[in-house]
Protein backbone atom coordinates (compact mmCIF):
# COMPACT_ATOMS: atom_id res chain seq x y z
CA UNK A 1 0.00 0.00 0.00
CA UNK A 2 1.12 3.50 -0.73
CA UNK A 3 0.46 6.12 1.97
CA UNK A 4 -0.97 9.24 0.35
CA UNK A 5 -1.57 11.61 3.30
CA UNK A 6 0.44 14.55 2.04
CA UNK A 7 -1.23 14.77 -1.35
CA UNK A 8 -4.69 14.25 0.14
CA UNK A 9 -4.05 17.04 2.64
CA UNK A 10 -2.72 19.35 -0.09
CA UNK A 11 -5.88 18.75 -2.11
CA UNK A 12 -7.80 20.09 0.91
CA UNK A 13 -5.55 23.15 1.26
CA UNK A 14 -3.44 21.82 4.14
CA UNK A 15 0.22 22.35 3.29
CA UNK A 16 1.98 21.84 6.63
CA UNK A 17 2.05 18.91 9.02
CA UNK A 18 1.50 21.31 11.92
CA UNK A 19 -1.77 22.53 10.36
CA UNK A 20 -3.06 18.98 10.08
CA UNK A 21 -1.82 18.18 13.58
CA UNK A 22 -3.86 21.09 15.01
CA UNK A 23 -6.98 20.06 13.10
CA UNK A 24 -6.64 16.47 14.28
CA UNK A 25 -6.23 17.64 17.89
CA UNK A 26 -9.44 19.70 17.55
CA UNK A 27 -11.19 16.45 16.67
CA UNK A 28 -9.72 14.57 19.63
CA UNK A 29 -6.69 12.96 18.02
CA UNK A 30 -3.54 14.26 19.72
CA UNK A 31 -0.42 13.16 17.86
CA UNK A 32 3.15 13.80 18.99
CA UNK A 33 5.41 15.84 16.73
CA UNK A 34 7.53 12.75 15.99
CA UNK A 35 4.58 10.60 14.99
CA UNK A 36 3.10 13.44 12.95
CA UNK A 37 6.39 13.81 11.10
CA UNK A 38 6.32 10.11 10.27
CA UNK A 39 2.74 10.27 9.06
CA UNK A 40 3.44 13.36 6.98
CA UNK A 41 6.72 12.39 5.36
CA UNK A 42 6.79 8.62 5.37
CA UNK A 43 4.76 5.47 5.42
CA UNK A 44 3.38 4.61 8.86
CA UNK A 45 4.36 1.24 10.29
CA UNK A 46 1.06 1.02 12.14
CA UNK A 47 -2.01 3.18 12.50
CA UNK A 48 -5.17 2.62 14.50
CA UNK A 49 -8.41 2.37 12.56
CA UNK A 50 -9.91 4.99 14.87
CA UNK A 51 -7.09 7.36 13.93
CA UNK A 52 -7.82 6.76 10.25
CA UNK A 53 -11.45 7.68 10.91
CA UNK A 54 -10.42 11.02 12.41
CA UNK A 55 -7.97 11.74 9.58
CA UNK A 56 -10.70 11.04 7.01
CA UNK A 57 -13.16 13.31 8.83
CA UNK A 58 -10.65 16.16 9.11
CA UNK A 59 -9.61 15.87 5.46
CA UNK A 60 -13.11 15.12 4.20
CA UNK A 61 -11.79 12.11 2.32
CA UNK A 62 -12.30 8.39 1.92
CA UNK A 63 -9.86 5.70 3.04
CA UNK A 64 -9.04 5.05 -0.63
CA UNK A 65 -7.64 8.57 -0.86
CA UNK A 66 -5.11 7.80 1.88
CA UNK A 67 -4.23 4.20 1.04
CA UNK A 68 -3.49 3.35 -2.58
CA UNK A 69 -3.20 -0.38 -3.41
CA UNK A 70 -0.04 -1.55 -5.17
CA UNK A 71 -0.95 -5.06 -6.39
CA UNK A 72 2.19 -5.29 -8.51
CA UNK A 73 4.27 -5.60 -5.33
CA UNK A 74 2.50 -8.79 -4.24
CA UNK A 75 4.11 -12.08 -5.23
CA UNK A 76 1.67 -14.66 -6.47
CA UNK A 77 1.72 -18.40 -5.70
CA UNK A 78 3.92 -20.25 -8.16
CA UNK A 79 5.45 -17.07 -9.50
CA UNK A 80 8.99 -17.99 -8.44
CA UNK A 81 8.60 -21.57 -9.61
CA UNK A 82 7.47 -20.37 -13.04
CA UNK A 83 10.51 -18.14 -13.34
CA UNK A 84 12.86 -20.98 -12.38
CA UNK A 85 11.26 -23.42 -14.84
CA UNK A 86 11.51 -20.90 -17.66
CA UNK A 87 15.21 -20.33 -17.03
CA UNK A 88 16.21 -23.95 -16.47
CA UNK A 89 16.07 -24.71 -20.21
CA UNK A 90 14.04 -27.90 -19.72
CA UNK A 91 10.60 -28.00 -21.32
CA UNK A 92 9.77 -31.58 -20.34
CA UNK A 93 7.77 -32.48 -17.26
CA UNK A 94 9.70 -34.35 -14.56
CA UNK A 95 9.56 -38.13 -14.74
CA UNK A 96 7.91 -39.78 -11.75
CA UNK A 97 9.36 -43.18 -10.82
CA UNK A 98 7.31 -45.38 -8.44
PDB file of N, CA and C in Angstrom:
ATOM      1  N   UNK A   1       0.836  -1.186   0.000  1.00  0.00           N
ATOM      2  CA  UNK A   1       0.000   0.000   0.000  1.00  0.00           C
ATOM      3  C   UNK A   1       0.880   1.248   0.000  1.00  0.00           C
ATOM      4  N   UNK A   2       0.415   2.215  -0.710  1.00  0.00           N
ATOM      5  CA  UNK A   2       1.115   3.502  -0.734  1.00  0.00           C
ATOM      6  C   UNK A   2       0.341   4.471   0.164  1.00  0.00           C
ATOM      7  N   UNK A   3       1.037   5.148   1.048  1.00  0.00           N
ATOM      8  CA  UNK A   3       0.456   6.120   1.974  1.00  0.00           C
ATOM      9  C   UNK A   3       0.425   7.474   1.278  1.00  0.00           C
ATOM     10  N   UNK A   4      -0.755   8.061   1.168  1.00  0.00           N
ATOM     11  CA  UNK A   4      -0.966   9.239   0.351  1.00  0.00           C
ATOM     12  C   UNK A   4      -1.485  10.428   1.164  1.00  0.00           C
ATOM     13  N   UNK A   5      -1.063  10.559   2.416  1.00  0.00           N
ATOM     14  CA  UNK A   5      -1.575  11.609   3.297  1.00  0.00           C
ATOM     15  C   UNK A   5      -1.235  13.008   2.787  1.00  0.00           C
ATOM     16  N   UNK A   6      -0.014  13.205   2.400  1.00  0.00           N
ATOM     17  CA  UNK A   6       0.439  14.552   2.043  1.00  0.00           C
ATOM     18  C   UNK A   6      -0.324  15.117   0.847  1.00  0.00           C
ATOM     19  N   UNK A   7      -0.508  14.313  -0.175  1.00  0.00           N
ATOM     20  CA  UNK A   7      -1.234  14.771  -1.355  1.00  0.00           C
ATOM     21  C   UNK A   7      -2.714  14.990  -1.036  1.00  0.00           C
ATOM     22  N   UNK A   8      -3.284  14.100  -0.249  1.00  0.00           N
ATOM     23  CA  UNK A   8      -4.686  14.246   0.142  1.00  0.00           C
ATOM     24  C   UNK A   8      -4.874  15.527   0.938  1.00  0.00           C
ATOM     25  N   UNK A   9      -3.965  15.811   1.851  1.00  0.00           N
ATOM     26  CA  UNK A   9      -4.047  17.045   2.641  1.00  0.00           C
ATOM     27  C   UNK A   9      -3.878  18.268   1.747  1.00  0.00           C
ATOM     28  N   UNK A  10      -2.950  18.219   0.816  1.00  0.00           N
ATOM     29  CA  UNK A  10      -2.721  19.348  -0.093  1.00  0.00           C
ATOM     30  C   UNK A  10      -3.964  19.625  -0.931  1.00  0.00           C
ATOM     31  N   UNK A  11      -4.653  18.573  -1.339  1.00  0.00           N
ATOM     32  CA  UNK A  11      -5.885  18.750  -2.110  1.00  0.00           C
ATOM     33  C   UNK A  11      -6.976  19.439  -1.295  1.00  0.00           C
ATOM     34  N   UNK A  12      -6.844  19.421   0.018  1.00  0.00           N
ATOM     35  CA  UNK A  12      -7.799  20.089   0.908  1.00  0.00           C
ATOM     36  C   UNK A  12      -7.262  21.421   1.421  1.00  0.00           C
ATOM     37  N   UNK A  13      -6.115  21.860   0.878  1.00  0.00           N
ATOM     38  CA  UNK A  13      -5.550  23.147   1.262  1.00  0.00           C
ATOM     39  C   UNK A  13      -4.700  23.119   2.515  1.00  0.00           C
ATOM     40  N   UNK A  14      -4.310  21.948   2.972  1.00  0.00           N
ATOM     41  CA  UNK A  14      -3.435  21.823   4.143  1.00  0.00           C
ATOM     42  C   UNK A  14      -2.037  21.517   3.632  1.00  0.00           C
ATOM     43  N   UNK A  15      -1.111  22.451   3.858  1.00  0.00           N
ATOM     44  CA  UNK A  15       0.223  22.349   3.294  1.00  0.00           C
ATOM     45  C   UNK A  15       1.308  22.011   4.304  1.00  0.00           C
ATOM     46  N   UNK A  16       0.983  22.103   5.587  1.00  0.00           N
ATOM     47  CA  UNK A  16       1.977  21.835   6.625  1.00  0.00           C
ATOM     48  C   UNK A  16       1.464  20.780   7.590  1.00  0.00           C
ATOM     49  N   UNK A  17       2.398  19.955   8.058  1.00  0.00           N
ATOM     50  CA  UNK A  17       2.047  18.914   9.023  1.00  0.00           C
ATOM     51  C   UNK A  17       1.463  19.521  10.290  1.00  0.00           C
ATOM     52  N   UNK A  18       1.978  20.675  10.691  1.00  0.00           N
ATOM     53  CA  UNK A  18       1.496  21.311  11.925  1.00  0.00           C
ATOM     54  C   UNK A  18       0.037  21.751  11.790  1.00  0.00           C
ATOM     55  N   UNK A  19      -0.373  22.162  10.586  1.00  0.00           N
ATOM     56  CA  UNK A  19      -1.774  22.530  10.358  1.00  0.00           C
ATOM     57  C   UNK A  19      -2.677  21.317  10.546  1.00  0.00           C
ATOM     58  N   UNK A  20      -2.278  20.206   9.948  1.00  0.00           N
ATOM     59  CA  UNK A  20      -3.064  18.980  10.080  1.00  0.00           C
ATOM     60  C   UNK A  20      -3.065  18.501  11.527  1.00  0.00           C
ATOM     61  N   UNK A  21      -1.929  18.600  12.185  1.00  0.00           N
ATOM     62  CA  UNK A  21      -1.816  18.176  13.581  1.00  0.00           C
ATOM     63  C   UNK A  21      -2.799  18.953  14.454  1.00  0.00           C
ATOM     64  N   UNK A  22      -2.909  20.268  14.242  1.00  0.00           N
ATOM     65  CA  UNK A  22      -3.861  21.087  15.007  1.00  0.00           C
ATOM     66  C   UNK A  22      -5.301  20.682  14.727  1.00  0.00           C
ATOM     67  N   UNK A  23      -5.616  20.459  13.465  1.00  0.00           N
ATOM     68  CA  UNK A  23      -6.978  20.057  13.103  1.00  0.00           C
ATOM     69  C   UNK A  23      -7.336  18.703  13.695  1.00  0.00           C
ATOM     70  N   UNK A  24      -6.386  17.788  13.692  1.00  0.00           N
ATOM     71  CA  UNK A  24      -6.635  16.471  14.282  1.00  0.00           C
ATOM     72  C   UNK A  24      -6.872  16.595  15.784  1.00  0.00           C
ATOM     73  N   UNK A  25      -6.078  17.438  16.449  1.00  0.00           N
ATOM     74  CA  UNK A  25      -6.235  17.643  17.895  1.00  0.00           C
ATOM     75  C   UNK A  25      -7.615  18.233  18.211  1.00  0.00           C
ATOM     76  N   UNK A  26      -8.106  19.123  17.350  1.00  0.00           N
ATOM     77  CA  UNK A  26      -9.439  19.703  17.552  1.00  0.00           C
ATOM     78  C   UNK A  26     -10.536  18.644  17.469  1.00  0.00           C
ATOM     79  N   UNK A  27     -10.236  17.553  16.802  1.00  0.00           N
ATOM     80  CA  UNK A  27     -11.194  16.454  16.673  1.00  0.00           C
ATOM     81  C   UNK A  27     -10.873  15.302  17.629  1.00  0.00           C
ATOM     82  N   UNK A  28      -9.993  15.553  18.590  1.00  0.00           N
ATOM     83  CA  UNK A  28      -9.718  14.570  19.633  1.00  0.00           C
ATOM     84  C   UNK A  28      -8.552  13.638  19.398  1.00  0.00           C
ATOM     85  N   UNK A  29      -7.833  13.809  18.299  1.00  0.00           N
ATOM     86  CA  UNK A  29      -6.685  12.956  18.016  1.00  0.00           C
ATOM     87  C   UNK A  29      -5.403  13.756  18.221  1.00  0.00           C
ATOM     88  N   UNK A  30      -4.784  13.554  19.381  1.00  0.00           N
ATOM     89  CA  UNK A  30      -3.544  14.261  19.718  1.00  0.00           C
ATOM     90  C   UNK A  30      -2.373  13.372  19.303  1.00  0.00           C
ATOM     91  N   UNK A  31      -1.553  13.905  18.406  1.00  0.00           N
ATOM     92  CA  UNK A  31      -0.417  13.157  17.864  1.00  0.00           C
ATOM     93  C   UNK A  31       0.863  13.909  18.201  1.00  0.00           C
ATOM     94  N   UNK A  32       1.866  13.172  18.675  1.00  0.00           N
ATOM     95  CA  UNK A  32       3.152  13.798  18.988  1.00  0.00           C
ATOM     96  C   UNK A  32       3.791  14.327  17.709  1.00  0.00           C
ATOM     97  N   UNK A  33       4.719  15.248  17.876  1.00  0.00           N
ATOM     98  CA  UNK A  33       5.413  15.838  16.727  1.00  0.00           C
ATOM     99  C   UNK A  33       6.164  14.759  15.941  1.00  0.00           C
ATOM    100  N   UNK A  34       6.780  13.827  16.650  1.00  0.00           N
ATOM    101  CA  UNK A  34       7.529  12.755  15.989  1.00  0.00           C
ATOM    102  C   UNK A  34       6.638  11.855  15.154  1.00  0.00           C
ATOM    103  N   UNK A  35       5.503  11.457  15.736  1.00  0.00           N
ATOM    104  CA  UNK A  35       4.584  10.599  14.995  1.00  0.00           C
ATOM    105  C   UNK A  35       3.971  11.357  13.821  1.00  0.00           C
ATOM    106  N   UNK A  36       3.666  12.635  14.023  1.00  0.00           N
ATOM    107  CA  UNK A  36       3.101  13.437  12.947  1.00  0.00           C
ATOM    108  C   UNK A  36       4.096  13.563  11.806  1.00  0.00           C
ATOM    109  N   UNK A  37       5.354  13.727  12.125  1.00  0.00           N
ATOM    110  CA  UNK A  37       6.389  13.813  11.102  1.00  0.00           C
ATOM    111  C   UNK A  37       6.444  12.522  10.283  1.00  0.00           C
ATOM    112  N   UNK A  38       6.328  11.394  10.962  1.00  0.00           N
ATOM    113  CA  UNK A  38       6.324  10.106  10.273  1.00  0.00           C
ATOM    114  C   UNK A  38       5.109   9.930   9.379  1.00  0.00           C
ATOM    115  N   UNK A  39       3.963  10.354   9.862  1.00  0.00           N
ATOM    116  CA  UNK A  39       2.743  10.266   9.058  1.00  0.00           C
ATOM    117  C   UNK A  39       2.830  11.166   7.835  1.00  0.00           C
ATOM    118  N   UNK A  40       3.388  12.349   8.041  1.00  0.00           N
ATOM    119  CA  UNK A  40       3.438  13.359   6.985  1.00  0.00           C
ATOM    120  C   UNK A  40       4.466  13.014   5.905  1.00  0.00           C
ATOM    121  N   UNK A  41       5.637  12.549   6.324  1.00  0.00           N
ATOM    122  CA  UNK A  41       6.723  12.394   5.362  1.00  0.00           C
ATOM    123  C   UNK A  41       7.060  10.957   5.004  1.00  0.00           C
ATOM    124  N   UNK A  42       6.444  10.006   5.658  1.00  0.00           N
ATOM    125  CA  UNK A  42       6.795   8.623   5.370  1.00  0.00           C
ATOM    126  C   UNK A  42       5.581   7.726   5.272  1.00  0.00           C
ATOM    127  N   UNK A  43       5.820   6.465   5.432  1.00  0.00           N
ATOM    128  CA  UNK A  43       4.763   5.467   5.422  1.00  0.00           C
ATOM    129  C   UNK A  43       4.660   4.920   6.843  1.00  0.00           C
ATOM    130  N   UNK A  44       3.497   5.062   7.482  1.00  0.00           N
ATOM    131  CA  UNK A  44       3.382   4.606   8.862  1.00  0.00           C
ATOM    132  C   UNK A  44       3.530   3.094   8.978  1.00  0.00           C
ATOM    133  N   UNK A  45       4.201   2.669  10.033  1.00  0.00           N
ATOM    134  CA  UNK A  45       4.360   1.242  10.292  1.00  0.00           C
ATOM    135  C   UNK A  45       3.037   0.676  10.791  1.00  0.00           C
ATOM    136  N   UNK A  46       2.374   1.437  11.644  1.00  0.00           N
ATOM    137  CA  UNK A  46       1.060   1.024  12.138  1.00  0.00           C
ATOM    138  C   UNK A  46       0.219   2.271  12.396  1.00  0.00           C
ATOM    139  N   UNK A  47      -1.084   2.079  12.296  1.00  0.00           N
ATOM    140  CA  UNK A  47      -2.006   3.178  12.503  1.00  0.00           C
ATOM    141  C   UNK A  47      -3.335   2.580  12.944  1.00  0.00           C
ATOM    142  N   UNK A  48      -3.899   3.120  14.000  1.00  0.00           N
ATOM    143  CA  UNK A  48      -5.172   2.618  14.497  1.00  0.00           C
ATOM    144  C   UNK A  48      -6.297   2.987  13.543  1.00  0.00           C
ATOM    145  N   UNK A  49      -7.265   2.103  13.427  1.00  0.00           N
ATOM    146  CA  UNK A  49      -8.411   2.367  12.561  1.00  0.00           C
ATOM    147  C   UNK A  49      -9.170   3.603  13.028  1.00  0.00           C
ATOM    148  N   UNK A  50      -9.235   3.804  14.337  1.00  0.00           N
ATOM    149  CA  UNK A  50      -9.914   4.987  14.869  1.00  0.00           C
ATOM    150  C   UNK A  50      -9.199   6.267  14.438  1.00  0.00           C
ATOM    151  N   UNK A  51      -7.872   6.199  14.380  1.00  0.00           N
ATOM    152  CA  UNK A  51      -7.093   7.362  13.928  1.00  0.00           C
ATOM    153  C   UNK A  51      -7.360   7.645  12.453  1.00  0.00           C
ATOM    154  N   UNK A  52      -7.491   6.584  11.663  1.00  0.00           N
ATOM    155  CA  UNK A  52      -7.819   6.764  10.250  1.00  0.00           C
ATOM    156  C   UNK A  52      -9.183   7.420  10.084  1.00  0.00           C
ATOM    157  N   UNK A  53     -10.130   7.048  10.949  1.00  0.00           N
ATOM    158  CA  UNK A  53     -11.454   7.677  10.911  1.00  0.00           C
ATOM    159  C   UNK A  53     -11.346   9.184  11.112  1.00  0.00           C
ATOM    160  N   UNK A  54     -10.566   9.591  12.109  1.00  0.00           N
ATOM    161  CA  UNK A  54     -10.422  11.018  12.412  1.00  0.00           C
ATOM    162  C   UNK A  54      -9.725  11.734  11.257  1.00  0.00           C
ATOM    163  N   UNK A  55      -8.681  11.131  10.707  1.00  0.00           N
ATOM    164  CA  UNK A  55      -7.966  11.742   9.584  1.00  0.00           C
ATOM    165  C   UNK A  55      -8.916  11.937   8.404  1.00  0.00           C
ATOM    166  N   UNK A  56      -9.741  10.934   8.130  1.00  0.00           N
ATOM    167  CA  UNK A  56     -10.698  11.043   7.014  1.00  0.00           C
ATOM    168  C   UNK A  56     -11.739  12.130   7.269  1.00  0.00           C
ATOM    169  N   UNK A  57     -12.192  12.263   8.514  1.00  0.00           N
ATOM    170  CA  UNK A  57     -13.163  13.312   8.828  1.00  0.00           C
ATOM    171  C   UNK A  57     -12.527  14.687   8.650  1.00  0.00           C
ATOM    172  N   UNK A  58     -11.333  14.865   9.185  1.00  0.00           N
ATOM    173  CA  UNK A  58     -10.655  16.160   9.110  1.00  0.00           C
ATOM    174  C   UNK A  58     -10.373  16.550   7.656  1.00  0.00           C
ATOM    175  N   UNK A  59      -9.954  15.573   6.843  1.00  0.00           N
ATOM    176  CA  UNK A  59      -9.611  15.874   5.457  1.00  0.00           C
ATOM    177  C   UNK A  59     -10.812  15.766   4.513  1.00  0.00           C
ATOM    178  N   UNK A  60     -11.935  15.282   5.046  1.00  0.00           N
ATOM    179  CA  UNK A  60     -13.109  15.121   4.197  1.00  0.00           C
ATOM    180  C   UNK A  60     -12.845  14.164   3.051  1.00  0.00           C
ATOM    181  N   UNK A  61     -12.185  13.049   3.355  1.00  0.00           N
ATOM    182  CA  UNK A  61     -11.791  12.106   2.315  1.00  0.00           C
ATOM    183  C   UNK A  61     -12.258  10.699   2.650  1.00  0.00           C
ATOM    184  N   UNK A  62     -12.039   9.807   1.735  1.00  0.00           N
ATOM    185  CA  UNK A  62     -12.305   8.387   1.918  1.00  0.00           C
ATOM    186  C   UNK A  62     -10.982   7.674   2.187  1.00  0.00           C
ATOM    187  N   UNK A  63     -11.064   6.469   2.731  1.00  0.00           N
ATOM    188  CA  UNK A  63      -9.856   5.704   3.038  1.00  0.00           C
ATOM    189  C   UNK A  63      -9.036   5.436   1.765  1.00  0.00           C
ATOM    190  N   UNK A  64      -9.724   5.289   0.636  1.00  0.00           N
ATOM    191  CA  UNK A  64      -9.037   5.053  -0.632  1.00  0.00           C
ATOM    192  C   UNK A  64      -8.214   6.233  -1.105  1.00  0.00           C
ATOM    193  N   UNK A  65      -8.468   7.413  -0.538  1.00  0.00           N
ATOM    194  CA  UNK A  65      -7.643   8.575  -0.859  1.00  0.00           C
ATOM    195  C   UNK A  65      -6.309   8.516  -0.116  1.00  0.00           C
ATOM    196  N   UNK A  66      -6.310   7.881   1.048  1.00  0.00           N
ATOM    197  CA  UNK A  66      -5.110   7.801   1.882  1.00  0.00           C
ATOM    198  C   UNK A  66      -4.266   6.567   1.590  1.00  0.00           C
ATOM    199  N   UNK A  67      -4.922   5.465   1.278  1.00  0.00           N
ATOM    200  CA  UNK A  67      -4.228   4.199   1.040  1.00  0.00           C
ATOM    201  C   UNK A  67      -4.463   3.758  -0.397  1.00  0.00           C
ATOM    202  N   UNK A  68      -3.400   3.714  -1.180  1.00  0.00           N
ATOM    203  CA  UNK A  68      -3.489   3.349  -2.585  1.00  0.00           C
ATOM    204  C   UNK A  68      -2.911   1.941  -2.749  1.00  0.00           C
ATOM    205  N   UNK A  69      -3.711   0.986  -3.220  1.00  0.00           N
ATOM    206  CA  UNK A  69      -3.200  -0.380  -3.408  1.00  0.00           C
ATOM    207  C   UNK A  69      -2.086  -0.431  -4.457  1.00  0.00           C
ATOM    208  N   UNK A  70      -1.133  -1.316  -4.221  1.00  0.00           N
ATOM    209  CA  UNK A  70      -0.044  -1.554  -5.165  1.00  0.00           C
ATOM    210  C   UNK A  70       0.047  -3.058  -5.429  1.00  0.00           C
ATOM    211  N   UNK A  71      -0.906  -3.606  -6.190  1.00  0.00           N
ATOM    212  CA  UNK A  71      -0.948  -5.057  -6.387  1.00  0.00           C
ATOM    213  C   UNK A  71       0.279  -5.619  -7.090  1.00  0.00           C
ATOM    214  N   UNK A  72       0.995  -4.829  -7.826  1.00  0.00           N
ATOM    215  CA  UNK A  72       2.191  -5.294  -8.505  1.00  0.00           C
ATOM    216  C   UNK A  72       3.309  -5.703  -7.564  1.00  0.00           C
ATOM    217  N   UNK A  73       3.233  -5.259  -6.315  1.00  0.00           N
ATOM    218  CA  UNK A  73       4.267  -5.603  -5.332  1.00  0.00           C
ATOM    219  C   UNK A  73       4.014  -6.937  -4.633  1.00  0.00           C
ATOM    220  N   UNK A  74       2.865  -7.550  -4.909  1.00  0.00           N
ATOM    221  CA  UNK A  74       2.498  -8.792  -4.242  1.00  0.00           C
ATOM    222  C   UNK A  74       2.940  -9.971  -5.096  1.00  0.00           C
ATOM    223  N   UNK A  75       3.718 -10.882  -4.489  1.00  0.00           N
ATOM    224  CA  UNK A  75       4.114 -12.079  -5.232  1.00  0.00           C
ATOM    225  C   UNK A  75       2.944 -13.059  -5.224  1.00  0.00           C
ATOM    226  N   UNK A  76       2.782 -13.736  -6.323  1.00  0.00           N
ATOM    227  CA  UNK A  76       1.669 -14.662  -6.467  1.00  0.00           C
ATOM    228  C   UNK A  76       2.169 -16.091  -6.325  1.00  0.00           C
ATOM    229  N   UNK A  77       1.302 -16.998  -5.842  1.00  0.00           N
ATOM    230  CA  UNK A  77       1.720 -18.398  -5.697  1.00  0.00           C
ATOM    231  C   UNK A  77       2.228 -18.961  -7.027  1.00  0.00           C
ATOM    232  N   UNK A  78       3.354 -19.637  -6.972  1.00  0.00           N
ATOM    233  CA  UNK A  78       3.925 -20.249  -8.156  1.00  0.00           C
ATOM    234  C   UNK A  78       4.716 -19.304  -9.030  1.00  0.00           C
ATOM    235  N   UNK A  79       4.750 -18.044  -8.677  1.00  0.00           N
ATOM    236  CA  UNK A  79       5.451 -17.070  -9.504  1.00  0.00           C
ATOM    237  C   UNK A  79       6.944 -17.394  -9.579  1.00  0.00           C
ATOM    238  N   UNK A  80       7.563 -17.677  -8.457  1.00  0.00           N
ATOM    239  CA  UNK A  80       8.991 -17.991  -8.442  1.00  0.00           C
ATOM    240  C   UNK A  80       9.267 -19.305  -9.178  1.00  0.00           C
ATOM    241  N   UNK A  81       8.410 -20.287  -8.956  1.00  0.00           N
ATOM    242  CA  UNK A  81       8.601 -21.573  -9.610  1.00  0.00           C
ATOM    243  C   UNK A  81       8.525 -21.410 -11.119  1.00  0.00           C
ATOM    244  N   UNK A  82       7.604 -20.606 -11.611  1.00  0.00           N
ATOM    245  CA  UNK A  82       7.467 -20.371 -13.042  1.00  0.00           C
ATOM    246  C   UNK A  82       8.703 -19.721 -13.620  1.00  0.00           C
ATOM    247  N   UNK A  83       9.296 -18.810 -12.875  1.00  0.00           N
ATOM    248  CA  UNK A  83      10.507 -18.142 -13.342  1.00  0.00           C
ATOM    249  C   UNK A  83      11.651 -19.142 -13.408  1.00  0.00           C
ATOM    250  N   UNK A  84      11.785 -20.000 -12.400  1.00  0.00           N
ATOM    251  CA  UNK A  84      12.863 -20.977 -12.377  1.00  0.00           C
ATOM    252  C   UNK A  84      12.713 -21.986 -13.511  1.00  0.00           C
ATOM    253  N   UNK A  85      11.484 -22.453 -13.769  1.00  0.00           N
ATOM    254  CA  UNK A  85      11.264 -23.420 -14.836  1.00  0.00           C
ATOM    255  C   UNK A  85      11.608 -22.813 -16.180  1.00  0.00           C
ATOM    256  N   UNK A  86      11.254 -21.556 -16.376  1.00  0.00           N
ATOM    257  CA  UNK A  86      11.508 -20.901 -17.658  1.00  0.00           C
ATOM    258  C   UNK A  86      13.000 -20.720 -17.902  1.00  0.00           C
ATOM    259  N   UNK A  87      13.778 -20.568 -16.857  1.00  0.00           N
ATOM    260  CA  UNK A  87      15.209 -20.331 -17.027  1.00  0.00           C
ATOM    261  C   UNK A  87      16.031 -21.608 -16.977  1.00  0.00           C
ATOM    262  N   UNK A  88      15.429 -22.722 -16.592  1.00  0.00           N
ATOM    263  CA  UNK A  88      16.205 -23.950 -16.469  1.00  0.00           C
ATOM    264  C   UNK A  88      16.525 -24.560 -17.823  1.00  0.00           C
ATOM    265  N   UNK A  89      15.788 -24.195 -18.879  1.00  0.00           N
ATOM    266  CA  UNK A  89      16.066 -24.712 -20.208  1.00  0.00           C
ATOM    267  C   UNK A  89      15.338 -26.008 -20.498  1.00  0.00           C
ATOM    268  N   UNK A  90      14.760 -26.642 -19.531  1.00  0.00           N
ATOM    269  CA  UNK A  90      14.044 -27.897 -19.724  1.00  0.00           C
ATOM    270  C   UNK A  90      12.573 -27.608 -19.960  1.00  0.00           C
ATOM    271  N   UNK A  91      12.016 -28.194 -21.034  1.00  0.00           N
ATOM    272  CA  UNK A  91      10.596 -28.001 -21.318  1.00  0.00           C
ATOM    273  C   UNK A  91       9.799 -29.246 -21.011  1.00  0.00           C
ATOM    274  N   UNK A  92      10.468 -30.326 -20.638  1.00  0.00           N
ATOM    275  CA  UNK A  92       9.774 -31.581 -20.344  1.00  0.00           C
ATOM    276  C   UNK A  92       9.361 -31.616 -18.879  1.00  0.00           C
ATOM    277  N   UNK A  93       8.232 -32.297 -18.636  1.00  0.00           N
ATOM    278  CA  UNK A  93       7.767 -32.484 -17.264  1.00  0.00           C
ATOM    279  C   UNK A  93       8.670 -33.492 -16.587  1.00  0.00           C
ATOM    280  N   UNK A  94       8.850 -33.392 -15.267  1.00  0.00           N
ATOM    281  CA  UNK A  94       9.702 -34.355 -14.560  1.00  0.00           C
ATOM    282  C   UNK A  94       9.110 -35.764 -14.614  1.00  0.00           C
ATOM    283  N   UNK A  95       9.974 -36.732 -14.691  1.00  0.00           N
ATOM    284  CA  UNK A  95       9.557 -38.133 -14.738  1.00  0.00           C
ATOM    285  C   UNK A  95       9.361 -38.604 -13.314  1.00  0.00           C
ATOM    286  N   UNK A  96       8.208 -39.250 -13.074  1.00  0.00           N
ATOM    287  CA  UNK A  96       7.913 -39.780 -11.753  1.00  0.00           C
ATOM    288  C   UNK A  96       8.186 -41.280 -11.777  1.00  0.00           C
ATOM    289  N   UNK A  97       9.028 -41.750 -10.889  1.00  0.00           N
ATOM    290  CA  UNK A  97       9.363 -43.183 -10.815  1.00  0.00           C
ATOM    291  C   UNK A  97       8.755 -43.727  -9.533  1.00  0.00           C
ATOM    292  N   UNK A  98       7.924 -44.803  -9.653  1.00  0.00           N
ATOM    293  CA  UNK A  98       7.308 -45.375  -8.443  1.00  0.00           C
ATOM    294  C   UNK A  98       8.314 -46.101  -7.592  1.00  0.00           C
TER     295      UNK A  98
END
